[in-house]
Amino acid sequence: MSPLDLVFGILAVALLLALVRFIAGPTLPDRVVALDTMAMIAIGIISTFAIARDSPDVLDVGVLLAFITFLGTVAFALYIEKRVR
């Protein structure tokens, strides 16, 4: 068993726990934070995959996912700000 297998296992468990929080989250902000966490874990999985396959081109997918996740978080923050007023 390689260390990368251990990393994949830990990331899989973390993704499962974040999914549980996403489903059980009582409020919308809880669900958004859980979704953001799942996206960051997915970026970790993509990065680990790039290391395991010695393929740095795959990292572009992780950067793109991070950018889309950031935009989604900003959009949600703006939505909450306008809803509160």
N, C-alpha and C. Protein backbone atom coordinates (compact mmCIF):
# COMPACT_ATOMS: atom_id res chain seq x y z
N MET A 1 0.86 -1.18 0.00
CA MET A 1 0.00 0.00 0.00
C MET A 1 0.90 1.23 0.00
N SER A 2 0.68 2.08 -0.98
CA SER A 2 1.51 3.27 -1.09
C SER A 2 0.92 4.41 -0.25
N PRO A 3 1.71 5.41 0.05
CA PRO A 3 1.19 6.57 0.79
C PRO A 3 0.07 7.29 0.03
N LEU A 4 0.12 7.25 -1.29
CA LEU A 4 -0.94 7.91 -2.06
C LEU A 4 -2.27 7.19 -1.90
N ASP A 5 -2.24 5.87 -1.70
CA ASP A 5 -3.48 5.14 -1.44
C ASP A 5 -4.09 5.59 -0.12
N LEU A 6 -3.25 5.83 0.86
CA LEU A 6 -3.72 6.33 2.15
C LEU A 6 -4.34 7.72 2.00
N VAL A 7 -3.70 8.56 1.21
CA VAL A 7 -4.22 9.92 0.98
C VAL A 7 -5.58 9.85 0.28
N PHE A 8 -5.70 8.99 -0.74
CA PHE A 8 -6.99 8.83 -1.42
C PHE A 8 -8.07 8.35 -0.45
N GLY A 9 -7.72 7.44 0.45
CA GLY A 9 -8.68 6.95 1.43
C GLY A 9 -9.13 8.03 2.39
N ILE A 10 -8.19 8.81 2.87
CA ILE A 10 -8.53 9.91 3.80
C ILE A 10 -9.41 10.94 3.10
N LEU A 11 -9.08 11.27 1.86
CA LEU A 11 -9.89 12.24 1.11
C LEU A 11 -11.29 11.69 0.83
N ALA A 12 -11.39 10.39 0.59
CA ALA A 12 -12.70 9.79 0.36
C ALA A 12 -13.57 9.87 1.62
N VAL A 13 -12.98 9.60 2.77
CA VAL A 13 -13.72 9.69 4.03
C VAL A 13 -14.13 11.14 4.29
N ALA A 14 -13.23 12.07 4.03
CA ALA A 14 -13.55 13.49 4.23
C ALA A 14 -14.68 13.92 3.30
N LEU A 15 -14.65 13.44 2.06
CA LEU A 15 -15.71 13.77 1.11
C LEU A 15 -17.05 13.21 1.57
N LEU A 16 -17.04 12.01 2.11
CA LEU A 16 -18.27 11.40 2.62
C LEU A 16 -18.82 12.18 3.81
N LEU A 17 -17.94 12.61 4.70
CA LEU A 17 -18.39 13.39 5.86
C LEU A 17 -18.95 14.75 5.43
N ALA A 18 -18.33 15.37 4.44
CA ALA A 18 -18.84 16.64 3.93
C ALA A 18 -20.19 16.44 3.25
N LEU A 19 -20.37 15.31 2.58
CA LEU A 19 -21.66 15.01 1.96
C LEU A 19 -22.76 14.84 3.00
N VAL A 20 -22.41 14.20 4.12
CA VAL A 20 -23.38 14.06 5.21
C VAL A 20 -23.78 15.44 5.74
N ARG A 21 -22.81 16.34 5.90
CA ARG A 21 -23.12 17.69 6.38
C ARG A 21 -23.96 18.44 5.36
N PHE A 22 -23.69 18.21 4.07
CA PHE A 22 -24.47 18.86 3.02
C PHE A 22 -25.93 18.42 3.06
N ILE A 23 -26.14 17.13 3.29
CA ILE A 23 -27.51 16.61 3.33
C ILE A 23 -28.21 17.01 4.62
N ALA A 24 -27.51 16.95 5.74
CA ALA A 24 -28.13 17.19 7.04
C ALA A 24 -28.11 18.64 7.48
N GLY A 25 -27.38 19.49 6.77
CA GLY A 25 -27.24 20.89 7.19
C GLY A 25 -28.59 21.56 7.37
N PRO A 26 -28.83 22.10 8.55
CA PRO A 26 -30.16 22.67 8.78
C PRO A 26 -30.38 24.00 8.06
N THR A 27 -29.34 24.73 7.76
CA THR A 27 -29.52 26.03 7.12
C THR A 27 -28.81 26.05 5.77
N LEU A 28 -29.20 27.02 4.96
CA LEU A 28 -28.58 27.17 3.65
C LEU A 28 -27.09 27.48 3.73
N PRO A 29 -26.64 28.37 4.63
CA PRO A 29 -25.19 28.60 4.73
C PRO A 29 -24.40 27.33 5.11
N ASP A 30 -24.99 26.46 5.95
CA ASP A 30 -24.31 25.20 6.28
C ASP A 30 -24.11 24.35 5.03
N ARG A 31 -25.12 24.32 4.19
CA ARG A 31 -25.02 23.53 2.96
C ARG A 31 -24.01 24.13 1.99
N VAL A 32 -23.95 25.45 1.92
CA VAL A 32 -23.00 26.09 1.01
C VAL A 32 -21.57 25.84 1.48
N VAL A 33 -21.33 25.93 2.77
CA VAL A 33 -20.00 25.65 3.31
C VAL A 33 -19.62 24.19 3.07
N ALA A 34 -20.58 23.28 3.23
CA ALA A 34 -20.30 21.87 2.97
C ALA A 34 -20.00 21.64 1.49
N LEU A 35 -20.72 22.32 0.61
CA LEU A 35 -20.46 22.19 -0.83
C LEU A 35 -19.09 22.76 -1.18
N ASP A 36 -18.74 23.86 -0.56
CA ASP A 36 -17.41 24.46 -0.78
C ASP A 36 -16.32 23.51 -0.27
N THR A 37 -16.56 22.88 0.86
CA THR A 37 -15.61 21.91 1.40
C THR A 37 -15.46 20.71 0.47
N MET A 38 -16.57 20.25 -0.08
CA MET A 38 -16.52 19.12 -1.01
C MET A 38 -15.73 19.49 -2.27
N ALA A 39 -15.87 20.72 -2.72
CA ALA A 39 -15.10 21.15 -3.90
C ALA A 39 -13.61 21.20 -3.58
N MET A 40 -13.26 21.67 -2.39
CA MET A 40 -11.84 21.72 -2.01
C MET A 40 -11.26 20.30 -1.86
N ILE A 41 -12.06 19.38 -1.33
CA ILE A 41 -11.60 17.99 -1.23
C ILE A 41 -11.44 17.40 -2.63
N ALA A 42 -12.35 17.75 -3.54
CA ALA A 42 -12.22 17.27 -4.93
C ALA A 42 -10.94 17.81 -5.56
N ILE A 43 -10.59 19.03 -5.25
CA ILE A 43 -9.33 19.59 -5.75
C ILE A 43 -8.15 18.81 -5.18
N GLY A 44 -8.24 18.42 -3.91
CA GLY A 44 -7.20 17.59 -3.31
C GLY A 44 -7.10 16.23 -4.00
N ILE A 45 -8.24 15.65 -4.36
CA ILE A 45 -8.24 14.37 -5.07
C ILE A 45 -7.62 14.53 -6.45
N ILE A 46 -7.96 15.60 -7.15
CA ILE A 46 -7.39 15.86 -8.47
C ILE A 46 -5.89 16.06 -8.37
N SER A 47 -5.46 16.80 -7.36
CA SER A 47 -4.02 17.04 -7.19
C SER A 47 -3.28 15.75 -6.86
N THR A 48 -3.85 14.93 -6.00
CA THR A 48 -3.24 13.65 -5.66
C THR A 48 -3.18 12.74 -6.88
N PHE A 49 -4.23 12.77 -7.68
CA PHE A 49 -4.24 11.98 -8.92
C PHE A 49 -3.13 12.44 -9.86
N ALA A 50 -2.94 13.76 -9.95
CA ALA A 50 -1.88 14.29 -10.81
C ALA A 50 -0.51 13.83 -10.33
N ILE A 51 -0.32 13.77 -9.03
CA ILE A 51 0.95 13.30 -8.48
C ILE A 51 1.11 11.80 -8.74
N ALA A 52 0.04 11.04 -8.54
CA ALA A 52 0.11 9.59 -8.71
C ALA A 52 0.40 9.20 -10.16
N ARG A 53 -0.15 9.93 -11.10
CA ARG A 53 0.04 9.61 -12.51
C ARG A 53 1.18 10.39 -13.15
N ASP A 54 1.84 11.23 -12.36
CA ASP A 54 2.92 12.08 -12.87
C ASP A 54 2.47 12.86 -14.10
N SER A 55 1.31 13.51 -13.93
CA SER A 55 0.67 14.23 -15.03
C SER A 55 0.29 15.63 -14.55
N PRO A 56 1.19 16.61 -14.66
CA PRO A 56 0.87 17.95 -14.17
C PRO A 56 -0.20 18.67 -15.00
N ASP A 57 -0.52 18.17 -16.18
CA ASP A 57 -1.57 18.80 -16.98
C ASP A 57 -2.94 18.71 -16.31
N VAL A 58 -3.13 17.70 -15.48
CA VAL A 58 -4.40 17.51 -14.80
C VAL A 58 -4.65 18.62 -13.77
N LEU A 59 -3.61 19.25 -13.31
CA LEU A 59 -3.75 20.31 -12.30
C LEU A 59 -4.56 21.49 -12.82
N ASP A 60 -4.60 21.67 -14.13
CA ASP A 60 -5.42 22.74 -14.70
C ASP A 60 -6.90 22.55 -14.36
N VAL A 61 -7.33 21.32 -14.30
CA VAL A 61 -8.71 21.03 -13.92
C VAL A 61 -8.96 21.47 -12.48
N GLY A 62 -8.00 21.21 -11.60
CA GLY A 62 -8.13 21.64 -10.21
C GLY A 62 -8.18 23.14 -10.07
N VAL A 63 -7.36 23.84 -10.84
CA VAL A 63 -7.37 25.31 -10.80
C VAL A 63 -8.71 25.84 -11.29
N LEU A 64 -9.23 25.25 -12.36
CA LEU A 64 -10.52 25.68 -12.89
C LEU A 64 -11.64 25.43 -11.89
N LEU A 65 -11.61 24.28 -11.23
CA LEU A 65 -12.62 23.98 -10.21
C LEU A 65 -12.53 24.95 -9.04
N ALA A 66 -11.32 25.31 -8.64
CA ALA A 66 -11.15 26.28 -7.55
C ALA A 66 -11.71 27.64 -7.95
N PHE A 67 -11.49 28.05 -9.18
CA PHE A 67 -12.00 29.34 -9.65
C PHE A 67 -13.53 29.35 -9.68
N ILE A 68 -14.12 28.28 -10.19
CA ILE A 68 -15.58 28.20 -10.25
C ILE A 68 -16.18 28.16 -8.84
N THR A 69 -15.53 27.44 -7.94
CA THR A 69 -16.00 27.37 -6.56
C THR A 69 -15.93 28.73 -5.89
N PHE A 70 -14.85 29.46 -6.13
CA PHE A 70 -14.71 30.80 -5.56
C PHE A 70 -15.82 31.71 -6.06
N LEU A 71 -16.09 31.67 -7.35
CA LEU A 71 -17.16 32.51 -7.90
C LEU A 71 -18.52 32.14 -7.32
N GLY A 72 -18.75 30.85 -7.12
CA GLY A 72 -20.00 30.42 -6.51
C GLY A 72 -20.15 30.90 -5.07
N THR A 73 -19.07 30.88 -4.33
CA THR A 73 -19.10 31.35 -2.95
C THR A 73 -19.37 32.86 -2.89
N VAL A 74 -18.74 33.61 -3.78
CA VAL A 74 -18.97 35.05 -3.83
C VAL A 74 -20.42 35.34 -4.22
N ALA A 75 -20.94 34.60 -5.19
CA ALA A 75 -22.33 34.80 -5.60
C ALA A 75 -23.29 34.50 -4.46
N PHE A 76 -23.00 33.45 -3.70
CA PHE A 76 -23.85 33.14 -2.55
C PHE A 76 -23.78 34.24 -1.49
N ALA A 77 -22.60 34.76 -1.25
CA ALA A 77 -22.45 35.83 -0.26
C ALA A 77 -23.24 37.07 -0.69
N LEU A 78 -23.21 37.39 -1.96
CA LEU A 78 -23.99 38.53 -2.45
C LEU A 78 -25.48 38.26 -2.32
N TYR A 79 -25.90 37.03 -2.58
CA TYR A 79 -27.30 36.67 -2.44
C TYR A 79 -27.77 36.82 -1.00
N ILE A 80 -26.96 36.34 -0.06
CA ILE A 80 -27.32 36.46 1.37
C ILE A 80 -27.37 37.92 1.79
N GLU A 81 -26.42 38.71 1.31
CA GLU A 81 -26.40 40.13 1.67
C GLU A 81 -27.64 40.85 1.18
N LYS A 82 -28.09 40.56 -0.02
CA LYS A 82 -29.29 41.23 -0.55
C LYS A 82 -30.55 40.69 0.11
N ARG A 83 -30.53 39.44 0.53
CA ARG A 83 -31.72 38.84 1.16
C ARG A 83 -31.93 39.40 2.55
N VAL A 84 -30.87 39.74 3.24
CA VAL A 84 -30.97 40.23 4.62
C VAL A 84 -31.56 41.63 4.66
N ARG A 85 -31.26 42.45 3.69
CA ARG A 85 -31.73 43.84 3.68
C ARG A 85 -33.19 43.98 3.49
